[in-house]
Amino acid sequence: MAFGAIILGVINIAIVVAILVLIGALIVMVAGWFEWPIPWNVQRLYLLIVMLIALYMVVALLLGLPLPLRVIGERY
């Protein structure tokens, strides 16, 4: 896989994480307007879920890289 493709994948992961964090911040802001406080431990749980999604995406990006594997002279 080309170096440019890896950089593009990392940028895509960063965009997804930024969008998810922005959605969470908007939910907290709207809840604050209605005076429905969201506890900090619930916010941390949401950030943990976002982190796990990002970790999954990084692992999928890394495992999608082709490995130098030879089977009877053929390169896969």
C-alpha atoms as a PDB file:
ATOM      1  CA  MET A   1       0.000   0.000   0.000  1.00  0.00           C
ATOM      2  CA  ALA A   2       1.328   3.421  -0.858  1.00  0.00           C
ATOM      3  CA  PHE A   3       2.440   5.871   1.782  1.00  0.00           C
ATOM      4  CA  GLY A   4      -0.161   8.347   0.514  1.00  0.00           C
ATOM      5  CA  ALA A   5      -2.933   5.840   1.136  1.00  0.00           C
ATOM      6  CA  ILE A   6      -1.815   5.374   4.738  1.00  0.00           C
ATOM      7  CA  ILE A   7      -1.747   9.142   5.289  1.00  0.00           C
ATOM      8  CA  LEU A   8      -5.196   9.457   3.737  1.00  0.00           C
ATOM      9  CA  GLY A   9      -6.493   6.711   6.041  1.00  0.00           C
ATOM     10  CA  VAL A  10      -5.074   8.444   9.115  1.00  0.00           C
ATOM     11  CA  ILE A  11      -6.655  11.735   8.017  1.00  0.00           C
ATOM     12  CA  ASN A  12      -9.996   9.967   7.565  1.00  0.00           C
ATOM     13  CA  ILE A  13      -9.741   8.502  11.064  1.00  0.00           C
ATOM     14  CA  ALA A  14      -8.996  11.957  12.487  1.00  0.00           C
ATOM     15  CA  ILE A  15     -12.013  13.417  10.681  1.00  0.00           C
ATOM     16  CA  VAL A  16     -14.335  10.705  12.025  1.00  0.00           C
ATOM     17  CA  VAL A  17     -13.057  11.207  15.586  1.00  0.00           C
ATOM     18  CA  ALA A  18     -13.445  14.995  15.289  1.00  0.00           C
ATOM     19  CA  ILE A  19     -17.022  14.635  14.027  1.00  0.00           C
ATOM     20  CA  LEU A  20     -17.948  12.223  16.832  1.00  0.00           C
ATOM     21  CA  VAL A  21     -16.435  14.502  19.498  1.00  0.00           C
ATOM     22  CA  LEU A  22     -18.242  17.495  17.966  1.00  0.00           C
ATOM     23  CA  ILE A  23     -21.557  15.614  18.081  1.00  0.00           C
ATOM     24  CA  GLY A  24     -20.944  14.782  21.739  1.00  0.00           C
ATOM     25  CA  ALA A  25     -20.103  18.410  22.538  1.00  0.00           C
ATOM     26  CA  LEU A  26     -23.263  19.606  20.786  1.00  0.00           C
ATOM     27  CA  ILE A  27     -25.361  17.138  22.778  1.00  0.00           C
ATOM     28  CA  VAL A  28     -23.807  18.388  26.038  1.00  0.00           C
ATOM     29  CA  MET A  29     -24.399  22.012  24.966  1.00  0.00           C
ATOM     30  CA  VAL A  30     -28.053  21.426  24.065  1.00  0.00           C
ATOM     31  CA  ALA A  31     -28.583  19.499  27.298  1.00  0.00           C
ATOM     32  CA  GLY A  32     -27.084  22.461  29.162  1.00  0.00           C
ATOM     33  CA  TRP A  33     -29.587  24.820  27.517  1.00  0.00           C
ATOM     34  CA  PHE A  34     -32.447  22.660  28.774  1.00  0.00           C
ATOM     35  CA  GLU A  35     -30.719  22.394  32.168  1.00  0.00           C
ATOM     36  CA  TRP A  36     -30.316  18.626  31.856  1.00  0.00           C
ATOM     37  CA  PRO A  37     -26.780  18.145  33.101  1.00  0.00           C
ATOM     38  CA  ILE A  38     -24.946  15.158  31.692  1.00  0.00           C
ATOM     39  CA  PRO A  39     -22.667  13.663  34.356  1.00  0.00           C
ATOM     40  CA  TRP A  40     -18.935  13.678  33.667  1.00  0.00           C
ATOM     41  CA  ASN A  41     -18.709   9.888  33.922  1.00  0.00           C
ATOM     42  CA  VAL A  42     -21.241   9.554  31.066  1.00  0.00           C
ATOM     43  CA  GLN A  43     -19.176  12.011  29.011  1.00  0.00           C
ATOM     44  CA  ARG A  44     -16.024   9.990  29.730  1.00  0.00           C
ATOM     45  CA  LEU A  45     -17.843   6.807  28.693  1.00  0.00           C
ATOM     46  CA  TYR A  46     -18.770   8.472  25.387  1.00  0.00           C
ATOM     47  CA  LEU A  47     -15.152   9.526  24.836  1.00  0.00           C
ATOM     48  CA  LEU A  48     -14.041   5.960  25.623  1.00  0.00           C
ATOM     49  CA  ILE A  49     -16.435   4.650  22.970  1.00  0.00           C
ATOM     50  CA  VAL A  50     -15.067   7.183  20.467  1.00  0.00           C
ATOM     51  CA  MET A  51     -11.532   6.073  21.356  1.00  0.00           C
ATOM     52  CA  LEU A  52     -12.454   2.414  20.794  1.00  0.00           C
ATOM     53  CA  ILE A  53     -13.959   3.269  17.404  1.00  0.00           C
ATOM     54  CA  ALA A  54     -10.743   5.089  16.463  1.00  0.00           C
ATOM     55  CA  LEU A  55      -8.644   2.138  17.652  1.00  0.00           C
ATOM     56  CA  TYR A  56     -10.756  -0.236  15.573  1.00  0.00           C
ATOM     57  CA  MET A  57     -10.271   1.972  12.522  1.00  0.00           C
ATOM     58  CA  VAL A  58      -6.482   2.120  13.034  1.00  0.00           C
ATOM     59  CA  VAL A  59      -6.260  -1.673  13.381  1.00  0.00           C
ATOM     60  CA  ALA A  60      -8.402  -2.114  10.257  1.00  0.00           C
ATOM     61  CA  LEU A  61      -6.121   0.281   8.395  1.00  0.00           C
ATOM     62  CA  LEU A  62      -2.989  -1.559   9.505  1.00  0.00           C
ATOM     63  CA  LEU A  63      -4.362  -5.033   8.826  1.00  0.00           C
ATOM     64  CA  GLY A  64      -5.465  -3.908   5.379  1.00  0.00           C
ATOM     65  CA  LEU A  65      -1.825  -3.440   4.389  1.00  0.00           C
ATOM     66  CA  PRO A  66      -0.502  -6.122   2.063  1.00  0.00           C
ATOM     67  CA  LEU A  67       2.038  -8.433   3.620  1.00  0.00           C
ATOM     68  CA  PRO A  68       5.020  -9.787   1.685  1.00  0.00           C
ATOM     69  CA  LEU A  69       3.780 -13.384   1.427  1.00  0.00           C
ATOM     70  CA  ARG A  70       5.037 -15.888  -1.131  1.00  0.00           C
ATOM     71  CA  VAL A  71       3.189 -19.044  -2.072  1.00  0.00           C
ATOM     72  CA  ILE A  72       5.163 -21.208  -4.514  1.00  0.00           C
ATOM     73  CA  GLY A  73       6.835 -18.314  -6.263  1.00  0.00           C
ATOM     74  CA  GLU A  74       3.703 -16.145  -6.530  1.00  0.00           C
ATOM     75  CA  ARG A  75       3.557 -12.894  -4.648  1.00  0.00           C
ATOM     76  CA  TYR A  76       0.284 -12.053  -2.896  1.00  0.00           C
END
